[in-house]
Amino acid sequence: MGDFAKAIKFVLANEGGISDEVHDSGGVTKFGISQKSYPDCDIENLTEEDAIEIYRQDFWLPYQDFDDRLATKVFDLSVNMGHKRAVQILQRALQCLGAKIVDDGVLGPLTKQVIELANVDLLLTAIKSEAAGVYRNLAATNSSQKKFLNGWLRRAYL
């Protein structure tokens, strides 16, 4: 079972404070919560407690029943890349371990069943590799994103 307190500490350490990076497609972002994703939210005045509640409700719940380390990793990817892409990475990692599933980004019963059977250490290694590949591809296909690659790769392998 995942530990939200530990997972949110990990995410907030990666997300930091307020940012208005011109090449960040999310726009003004604070604690990783972007104006683009939450247009009705006053991002500049968002408190850490408000951000934590957004993360609990909108990001954590699908992963809360996973092994603690797995829940934290997929939660962090979901925050950084979105739920669908995070689940696709998880599914591709499962494929690397021999699972016969589709990488459709849906955390359905088959994906959950395969997760329960997987060796968590091997799965985490495969997830990190898959995430790094997604980040490298993003930087290679969009030159404005290259400046984020080193930070993304660091995050992928945490």
N, C-alpha and C. Protein backbone atom coordinates (compact mmCIF):
# COMPACT_ATOMS: atom_id res chain seq x y z
N MET A 1 0.84 -1.18 0.00
CA MET A 1 0.00 0.00 0.00
C MET A 1 0.88 1.24 0.00
N GLY A 2 0.56 2.19 -0.87
CA GLY A 2 1.35 3.40 -0.97
C GLY A 2 1.20 4.31 0.24
N ASP A 3 2.23 5.06 0.51
CA ASP A 3 2.27 6.01 1.63
C ASP A 3 2.23 7.42 1.05
N PHE A 4 1.06 8.07 1.11
CA PHE A 4 0.90 9.39 0.50
C PHE A 4 1.85 10.41 1.11
N ALA A 5 2.04 10.38 2.41
CA ALA A 5 2.92 11.37 3.05
C ALA A 5 4.33 11.29 2.48
N LYS A 6 4.81 10.08 2.29
CA LYS A 6 6.15 9.90 1.71
C LYS A 6 6.17 10.31 0.24
N ALA A 7 5.13 9.93 -0.48
CA ALA A 7 5.06 10.22 -1.91
C ALA A 7 4.96 11.72 -2.18
N ILE A 8 4.15 12.42 -1.40
CA ILE A 8 4.00 13.85 -1.64
C ILE A 8 5.28 14.60 -1.28
N LYS A 9 5.99 14.13 -0.28
CA LYS A 9 7.29 14.73 0.06
C LYS A 9 8.25 14.60 -1.12
N PHE A 10 8.25 13.42 -1.75
CA PHE A 10 9.09 13.16 -2.92
C PHE A 10 8.71 14.10 -4.08
N VAL A 11 7.41 14.21 -4.36
CA VAL A 11 6.95 15.05 -5.46
C VAL A 11 7.27 16.51 -5.21
N LEU A 12 6.98 16.98 -4.02
CA LEU A 12 7.24 18.40 -3.73
C LEU A 12 8.73 18.73 -3.79
N ALA A 13 9.58 17.78 -3.44
CA ALA A 13 11.02 18.00 -3.55
C ALA A 13 11.42 18.17 -5.02
N ASN A 14 10.71 17.50 -5.92
CA ASN A 14 10.98 17.62 -7.35
C ASN A 14 10.34 18.85 -7.97
N GLU A 15 9.22 19.30 -7.42
CA GLU A 15 8.46 20.36 -8.06
C GLU A 15 8.83 21.77 -7.63
N GLY A 16 9.25 21.94 -6.39
CA GLY A 16 9.71 23.26 -5.96
C GLY A 16 8.61 24.29 -5.82
N GLY A 17 9.00 25.56 -5.84
CA GLY A 17 8.08 26.68 -5.62
C GLY A 17 7.45 27.20 -6.89
N ILE A 18 7.37 28.52 -7.00
CA ILE A 18 6.69 29.13 -8.15
C ILE A 18 7.65 29.29 -9.32
N SER A 19 7.09 29.10 -10.52
CA SER A 19 7.89 29.19 -11.74
C SER A 19 7.02 29.77 -12.86
N ASP A 20 7.63 30.60 -13.68
CA ASP A 20 6.95 31.12 -14.87
C ASP A 20 7.94 31.05 -16.03
N GLU A 21 8.43 29.85 -16.26
CA GLU A 21 9.40 29.58 -17.32
C GLU A 21 8.73 29.74 -18.68
N VAL A 22 9.31 30.55 -19.54
CA VAL A 22 8.71 30.86 -20.85
C VAL A 22 8.49 29.61 -21.71
N HIS A 23 9.35 28.60 -21.59
CA HIS A 23 9.23 27.40 -22.42
C HIS A 23 8.42 26.28 -21.75
N ASP A 24 7.91 26.55 -20.56
CA ASP A 24 7.07 25.57 -19.88
C ASP A 24 5.64 25.75 -20.38
N SER A 25 5.11 24.75 -21.05
CA SER A 25 3.79 24.86 -21.66
C SER A 25 2.67 25.00 -20.63
N GLY A 26 2.97 24.74 -19.36
CA GLY A 26 1.95 24.85 -18.32
C GLY A 26 1.71 26.27 -17.85
N GLY A 27 2.59 27.20 -18.24
CA GLY A 27 2.45 28.57 -17.78
C GLY A 27 2.92 28.70 -16.34
N VAL A 28 2.34 29.66 -15.63
CA VAL A 28 2.70 29.87 -14.22
C VAL A 28 2.41 28.57 -13.46
N THR A 29 3.41 28.14 -12.69
CA THR A 29 3.32 26.87 -11.96
C THR A 29 3.83 27.09 -10.54
N LYS A 30 3.13 26.49 -9.59
CA LYS A 30 3.57 26.56 -8.20
C LYS A 30 3.36 25.19 -7.57
N PHE A 31 4.39 24.68 -6.91
CA PHE A 31 4.37 23.34 -6.33
C PHE A 31 4.00 22.29 -7.39
N GLY A 32 4.28 22.59 -8.67
CA GLY A 32 3.96 21.66 -9.75
C GLY A 32 2.55 21.77 -10.28
N ILE A 33 1.73 22.64 -9.72
CA ILE A 33 0.36 22.83 -10.17
C ILE A 33 0.39 23.98 -11.18
N SER A 34 -0.04 23.71 -12.41
CA SER A 34 0.08 24.71 -13.48
C SER A 34 -1.24 25.43 -13.75
N GLN A 35 -1.10 26.67 -14.19
CA GLN A 35 -2.25 27.48 -14.57
C GLN A 35 -3.00 26.83 -15.72
N LYS A 36 -2.26 26.21 -16.64
CA LYS A 36 -2.90 25.56 -17.78
C LYS A 36 -3.81 24.43 -17.32
N SER A 37 -3.35 23.62 -16.39
CA SER A 37 -4.15 22.49 -15.92
C SER A 37 -5.25 22.91 -14.96
N TYR A 38 -5.05 24.01 -14.25
CA TYR A 38 -6.02 24.50 -13.26
C TYR A 38 -6.31 25.97 -13.52
N PRO A 39 -7.00 26.27 -14.63
CA PRO A 39 -7.21 27.67 -15.03
C PRO A 39 -8.02 28.50 -14.03
N ASP A 40 -8.82 27.87 -13.20
CA ASP A 40 -9.63 28.60 -12.23
C ASP A 40 -8.95 28.75 -10.87
N CYS A 41 -7.73 28.28 -10.79
CA CYS A 41 -6.99 28.32 -9.53
C CYS A 41 -6.06 29.54 -9.52
N ASP A 42 -6.00 30.24 -8.40
CA ASP A 42 -5.07 31.36 -8.23
C ASP A 42 -3.70 30.78 -7.89
N ILE A 43 -2.95 30.45 -8.91
CA ILE A 43 -1.68 29.74 -8.75
C ILE A 43 -0.70 30.54 -7.90
N GLU A 44 -0.61 31.84 -8.12
CA GLU A 44 0.37 32.63 -7.38
C GLU A 44 0.12 32.63 -5.88
N ASN A 45 -1.13 32.45 -5.46
CA ASN A 45 -1.45 32.44 -4.03
C ASN A 45 -1.75 31.03 -3.51
N LEU A 46 -1.48 30.03 -4.32
CA LEU A 46 -1.70 28.63 -3.93
C LEU A 46 -0.79 28.28 -2.76
N THR A 47 -1.36 27.70 -1.72
CA THR A 47 -0.55 27.27 -0.58
C THR A 47 -0.08 25.84 -0.81
N GLU A 48 0.94 25.46 -0.08
CA GLU A 48 1.42 24.08 -0.17
C GLU A 48 0.33 23.10 0.25
N GLU A 49 -0.44 23.47 1.25
CA GLU A 49 -1.54 22.60 1.71
C GLU A 49 -2.58 22.42 0.62
N ASP A 50 -2.90 23.51 -0.11
CA ASP A 50 -3.86 23.40 -1.23
C ASP A 50 -3.30 22.49 -2.33
N ALA A 51 -2.02 22.65 -2.62
CA ALA A 51 -1.38 21.82 -3.65
C ALA A 51 -1.42 20.35 -3.24
N ILE A 52 -1.14 20.09 -1.97
CA ILE A 52 -1.15 18.70 -1.49
C ILE A 52 -2.55 18.10 -1.65
N GLU A 53 -3.58 18.86 -1.37
CA GLU A 53 -4.95 18.34 -1.52
C GLU A 53 -5.28 18.10 -2.99
N ILE A 54 -4.83 18.96 -3.88
CA ILE A 54 -5.03 18.73 -5.32
C ILE A 54 -4.33 17.43 -5.72
N TYR A 55 -3.11 17.25 -5.26
CA TYR A 55 -2.38 16.03 -5.59
C TYR A 55 -3.08 14.78 -5.04
N ARG A 56 -3.59 14.88 -3.83
CA ARG A 56 -4.27 13.72 -3.23
C ARG A 56 -5.50 13.34 -4.06
N GLN A 57 -6.31 14.32 -4.41
CA GLN A 57 -7.57 14.05 -5.11
C GLN A 57 -7.39 13.74 -6.59
N ASP A 58 -6.51 14.48 -7.26
CA ASP A 58 -6.42 14.39 -8.71
C ASP A 58 -5.30 13.49 -9.24
N PHE A 59 -4.34 13.13 -8.40
CA PHE A 59 -3.20 12.36 -8.89
C PHE A 59 -2.94 11.07 -8.11
N TRP A 60 -3.09 11.08 -6.81
CA TRP A 60 -2.68 9.96 -5.97
C TRP A 60 -3.62 8.76 -6.02
N LEU A 61 -4.90 9.00 -5.99
CA LEU A 61 -5.88 7.94 -5.78
C LEU A 61 -5.72 6.71 -6.68
N PRO A 62 -5.42 6.86 -7.97
CA PRO A 62 -5.29 5.66 -8.79
C PRO A 62 -4.14 4.72 -8.39
N TYR A 63 -3.16 5.26 -7.66
CA TYR A 63 -1.95 4.49 -7.36
C TYR A 63 -1.84 4.08 -5.89
N GLN A 64 -2.78 4.49 -5.07
CA GLN A 64 -2.66 4.31 -3.63
C GLN A 64 -2.57 2.86 -3.18
N ASP A 65 -3.06 1.93 -3.99
CA ASP A 65 -3.01 0.52 -3.59
C ASP A 65 -1.75 -0.20 -4.09
N PHE A 66 -0.90 0.50 -4.83
CA PHE A 66 0.35 -0.10 -5.31
C PHE A 66 1.33 -0.26 -4.16
N ASP A 67 2.34 -1.09 -4.38
CA ASP A 67 3.51 -1.14 -3.52
C ASP A 67 3.99 0.30 -3.30
N ASP A 68 4.46 0.62 -2.12
CA ASP A 68 4.85 1.97 -1.75
C ASP A 68 5.81 2.62 -2.75
N ARG A 69 6.87 1.92 -3.10
CA ARG A 69 7.87 2.49 -4.03
C ARG A 69 7.27 2.70 -5.42
N LEU A 70 6.48 1.74 -5.86
CA LEU A 70 5.84 1.84 -7.17
C LEU A 70 4.82 2.98 -7.19
N ALA A 71 4.02 3.09 -6.13
CA ALA A 71 3.03 4.17 -6.05
C ALA A 71 3.71 5.53 -6.13
N THR A 72 4.80 5.70 -5.40
CA THR A 72 5.51 6.98 -5.40
C THR A 72 6.05 7.30 -6.79
N LYS A 73 6.64 6.32 -7.46
CA LYS A 73 7.23 6.57 -8.77
C LYS A 73 6.18 6.91 -9.81
N VAL A 74 5.11 6.14 -9.88
CA VAL A 74 4.09 6.39 -10.90
C VAL A 74 3.33 7.69 -10.58
N PHE A 75 3.10 7.97 -9.31
CA PHE A 75 2.50 9.23 -8.89
C PHE A 75 3.37 10.40 -9.36
N ASP A 76 4.66 10.33 -9.13
CA ASP A 76 5.57 11.39 -9.55
C ASP A 76 5.54 11.57 -11.07
N LEU A 77 5.55 10.48 -11.81
CA LEU A 77 5.46 10.57 -13.27
C LEU A 77 4.15 11.19 -13.70
N SER A 78 3.08 10.83 -13.03
CA SER A 78 1.76 11.37 -13.35
C SER A 78 1.73 12.88 -13.15
N VAL A 79 2.33 13.34 -12.07
CA VAL A 79 2.40 14.78 -11.80
C VAL A 79 3.20 15.47 -12.90
N ASN A 80 4.30 14.88 -13.31
CA ASN A 80 5.19 15.51 -14.27
C ASN A 80 4.73 15.37 -15.72
N MET A 81 4.08 14.26 -16.06
CA MET A 81 3.73 13.98 -17.46
C MET A 81 2.24 13.83 -17.72
N GLY A 82 1.46 13.72 -16.68
CA GLY A 82 0.04 13.43 -16.84
C GLY A 82 -0.23 11.95 -16.59
N HIS A 83 -1.45 11.68 -16.16
CA HIS A 83 -1.84 10.32 -15.78
C HIS A 83 -1.69 9.33 -16.95
N LYS A 84 -2.21 9.68 -18.10
CA LYS A 84 -2.20 8.74 -19.23
C LYS A 84 -0.78 8.35 -19.61
N ARG A 85 0.09 9.33 -19.75
CA ARG A 85 1.46 9.03 -20.15
C ARG A 85 2.18 8.23 -19.07
N ALA A 86 1.93 8.55 -17.80
CA ALA A 86 2.55 7.79 -16.70
C ALA A 86 2.12 6.33 -16.75
N VAL A 87 0.84 6.09 -17.00
CA VAL A 87 0.34 4.72 -17.08
C VAL A 87 0.90 4.02 -18.32
N GLN A 88 1.04 4.73 -19.42
CA GLN A 88 1.65 4.13 -20.62
C GLN A 88 3.09 3.69 -20.31
N ILE A 89 3.82 4.52 -19.60
CA ILE A 89 5.19 4.16 -19.22
C ILE A 89 5.17 2.91 -18.34
N LEU A 90 4.27 2.88 -17.38
CA LEU A 90 4.11 1.71 -16.53
C LEU A 90 3.79 0.47 -17.37
N GLN A 91 2.89 0.60 -18.32
CA GLN A 91 2.51 -0.53 -19.16
C GLN A 91 3.67 -0.98 -20.06
N ARG A 92 4.43 -0.04 -20.59
CA ARG A 92 5.59 -0.41 -21.41
C ARG A 92 6.64 -1.12 -20.56
N ALA A 93 6.80 -0.67 -19.33
CA ALA A 93 7.73 -1.33 -18.42
C ALA A 93 7.27 -2.76 -18.15
N LEU A 94 5.98 -2.94 -17.96
CA LEU A 94 5.43 -4.29 -17.77
C LEU A 94 5.65 -5.15 -19.01
N GLN A 95 5.52 -4.56 -20.18
CA GLN A 95 5.81 -5.28 -21.43
C GLN A 95 7.26 -5.72 -21.46
N CYS A 96 8.16 -4.86 -21.00
CA CYS A 96 9.58 -5.22 -20.96
C CYS A 96 9.82 -6.44 -20.08
N LEU A 97 8.95 -6.62 -19.09
CA LEU A 97 9.07 -7.77 -18.19
C LEU A 97 8.29 -8.98 -18.71
N GLY A 98 7.74 -8.86 -19.94
CA GLY A 98 7.08 -10.00 -20.57
C GLY A 98 5.57 -9.98 -20.54
N ALA A 99 4.95 -8.95 -19.98
CA ALA A 99 3.49 -8.90 -19.91
C ALA A 99 2.89 -8.66 -21.29
N LYS A 100 1.79 -9.30 -21.53
CA LYS A 100 1.07 -9.16 -22.81
C LYS A 100 -0.09 -8.19 -22.59
N ILE A 101 0.24 -6.91 -22.51
CA ILE A 101 -0.77 -5.88 -22.33
C ILE A 101 -0.53 -4.76 -23.34
N VAL A 102 -1.54 -3.94 -23.54
CA VAL A 102 -1.47 -2.81 -24.46
C VAL A 102 -1.09 -1.57 -23.66
N ASP A 103 -0.27 -0.72 -24.26
CA ASP A 103 0.11 0.53 -23.58
C ASP A 103 -0.86 1.64 -23.99
N ASP A 104 -2.09 1.52 -23.50
CA ASP A 104 -3.15 2.46 -23.84
C ASP A 104 -3.34 3.58 -22.83
N GLY A 105 -2.59 3.56 -21.74
CA GLY A 105 -2.70 4.60 -20.74
C GLY A 105 -3.89 4.46 -19.81
N VAL A 106 -4.56 3.31 -19.88
CA VAL A 106 -5.71 3.06 -19.01
C VAL A 106 -5.30 2.09 -17.91
N LEU A 107 -5.51 2.49 -16.70
CA LEU A 107 -5.15 1.65 -15.55
C LEU A 107 -6.34 0.74 -15.23
N GLY A 108 -6.53 -0.23 -16.12
CA GLY A 108 -7.66 -1.14 -15.99
C GLY A 108 -7.32 -2.39 -15.22
N PRO A 109 -8.29 -3.31 -15.13
CA PRO A 109 -8.11 -4.52 -14.34
C PRO A 109 -6.94 -5.40 -14.80
N LEU A 110 -6.72 -5.51 -16.11
CA LEU A 110 -5.61 -6.35 -16.59
C LEU A 110 -4.27 -5.74 -16.19
N THR A 111 -4.12 -4.45 -16.37
CA THR A 111 -2.87 -3.80 -15.97
C THR A 111 -2.64 -3.99 -14.47
N LYS A 112 -3.67 -3.79 -13.67
CA LYS A 112 -3.53 -3.96 -12.22
C LYS A 112 -3.17 -5.40 -11.85
N GLN A 113 -3.76 -6.34 -12.56
CA GLN A 113 -3.47 -7.75 -12.29
C GLN A 113 -2.00 -8.07 -12.59
N VAL A 114 -1.51 -7.56 -13.71
CA VAL A 114 -0.12 -7.80 -14.10
C VAL A 114 0.84 -7.13 -13.12
N ILE A 115 0.47 -5.95 -12.62
CA ILE A 115 1.30 -5.26 -11.63
C ILE A 115 1.46 -6.12 -10.38
N GLU A 116 0.38 -6.71 -9.94
CA GLU A 116 0.42 -7.53 -8.73
C GLU A 116 1.36 -8.73 -8.87
N LEU A 117 1.56 -9.20 -10.10
CA LEU A 117 2.41 -10.37 -10.34
C LEU A 117 3.87 -10.00 -10.60
N ALA A 118 4.12 -8.72 -10.83
CA ALA A 118 5.45 -8.28 -11.25
C ALA A 118 6.43 -8.21 -10.07
N ASN A 119 7.69 -8.40 -10.38
CA ASN A 119 8.78 -8.16 -9.44
C ASN A 119 8.95 -6.64 -9.37
N VAL A 120 8.68 -6.04 -8.22
CA VAL A 120 8.67 -4.59 -8.10
C VAL A 120 10.04 -3.97 -8.40
N ASP A 121 11.11 -4.61 -7.98
CA ASP A 121 12.45 -4.06 -8.25
C ASP A 121 12.71 -3.99 -9.75
N LEU A 122 12.39 -5.06 -10.46
CA LEU A 122 12.58 -5.06 -11.92
C LEU A 122 11.65 -4.07 -12.60
N LEU A 123 10.41 -4.01 -12.12
CA LEU A 123 9.44 -3.08 -12.70
C LEU A 123 9.90 -1.63 -12.53
N LEU A 124 10.40 -1.29 -11.36
CA LEU A 124 10.87 0.08 -11.13
C LEU A 124 12.05 0.42 -12.04
N THR A 125 12.95 -0.53 -12.23
CA THR A 125 14.08 -0.30 -13.13
C THR A 125 13.58 -0.05 -14.55
N ALA A 126 12.62 -0.85 -15.00
CA ALA A 126 12.07 -0.69 -16.35
C ALA A 126 11.31 0.63 -16.48
N ILE A 127 10.57 1.02 -15.46
CA ILE A 127 9.84 2.30 -15.48
C ILE A 127 10.82 3.46 -15.63
N LYS A 128 11.90 3.43 -14.87
CA LYS A 128 12.89 4.51 -14.94
C LYS A 128 13.49 4.62 -16.33
N SER A 129 13.78 3.48 -16.93
CA SER A 129 14.33 3.47 -18.29
C SER A 129 13.32 4.00 -19.30
N GLU A 130 12.08 3.56 -19.19
CA GLU A 130 11.03 4.03 -20.10
C GLU A 130 10.80 5.53 -19.95
N ALA A 131 10.76 6.01 -18.70
CA ALA A 131 10.55 7.44 -18.47
C ALA A 131 11.69 8.25 -19.09
N ALA A 132 12.91 7.79 -18.90
CA ALA A 132 14.06 8.50 -19.48
C ALA A 132 13.94 8.56 -21.00
N GLY A 133 13.47 7.49 -21.61
CA GLY A 133 13.27 7.47 -23.05
C GLY A 133 12.23 8.50 -23.50
N VAL A 134 11.16 8.62 -22.76
CA VAL A 134 10.13 9.61 -23.09
C VAL A 134 10.71 11.02 -22.99
N TYR A 135 11.45 11.27 -21.94
CA TYR A 135 12.06 12.59 -21.77
C TYR A 135 13.06 12.89 -22.90
N ARG A 136 13.89 11.91 -23.24
CA ARG A 136 14.86 12.12 -24.32
C ARG A 136 14.16 12.39 -25.63
N ASN A 137 13.09 11.67 -25.91
CA ASN A 137 12.34 11.87 -27.14
C ASN A 137 11.70 13.26 -27.17
N LEU A 138 11.16 13.69 -26.06
CA LEU A 138 10.55 15.01 -25.99
C LEU A 138 11.58 16.10 -26.28
N ALA A 139 12.76 15.98 -25.71
CA ALA A 139 13.81 16.96 -25.95
C ALA A 139 14.32 16.90 -27.40
N ALA A 140 14.36 15.71 -27.96
CA ALA A 140 14.86 15.55 -29.34
C ALA A 140 13.86 16.08 -30.37
N THR A 141 12.58 16.03 -30.05
CA THR A 141 11.57 16.44 -31.02
C THR A 141 11.08 17.88 -30.82
N ASN A 142 11.50 18.52 -29.73
CA ASN A 142 11.09 19.89 -29.46
C ASN A 142 12.28 20.62 -28.84
N SER A 143 12.98 21.38 -29.67
CA SER A 143 14.23 22.01 -29.23
C SER A 143 14.04 22.93 -28.03
N SER A 144 12.87 23.51 -27.85
CA SER A 144 12.66 24.39 -26.70
C SER A 144 12.65 23.62 -25.38
N GLN A 145 12.54 22.30 -25.45
CA GLN A 145 12.47 21.49 -24.24
C GLN A 145 13.83 20.90 -23.84
N LYS A 146 14.83 21.05 -24.70
CA LYS A 146 16.16 20.48 -24.41
C LYS A 146 16.74 20.98 -23.10
N LYS A 147 16.45 22.21 -22.75
CA LYS A 147 17.00 22.78 -21.52
C LYS A 147 16.52 22.07 -20.27
N PHE A 148 15.40 21.31 -20.36
CA PHE A 148 14.86 20.60 -19.21
C PHE A 148 15.36 19.17 -19.10
N LEU A 149 16.07 18.69 -20.12
CA LEU A 149 16.41 17.27 -20.20
C LEU A 149 17.22 16.76 -19.01
N ASN A 150 18.26 17.46 -18.60
CA ASN A 150 19.08 16.97 -17.48
C ASN A 150 18.25 16.81 -16.21
N GLY A 151 17.40 17.77 -15.91
CA GLY A 151 16.54 17.68 -14.73
C GLY A 151 15.54 16.53 -14.86
N TRP A 152 14.99 16.36 -16.05
CA TRP A 152 14.05 15.26 -16.28
C TRP A 152 14.72 13.91 -16.10
N LEU A 153 15.93 13.78 -16.65
CA LEU A 153 16.64 12.50 -16.53
C LEU A 153 16.99 12.21 -15.07
N ARG A 154 17.39 13.23 -14.34
CA ARG A 154 17.65 13.04 -12.91
C ARG A 154 16.40 12.51 -12.22
N ARG A 155 15.29 13.14 -12.55
CA ARG A 155 14.01 12.74 -11.95
C ARG A 155 13.61 11.32 -12.37
N ALA A 156 13.85 10.99 -13.62
CA ALA A 156 13.49 9.64 -14.12
C ALA A 156 14.17 8.56 -13.34
N TYR A 157 15.43 8.78 -12.98
CA TYR A 157 16.22 7.73 -12.34
C TYR A 157 16.17 7.76 -10.81
N LEU A 158 15.39 8.68 -10.24
CA LEU A 158 15.24 8.71 -8.77
C LEU A 158 14.41 7.53 -8.30
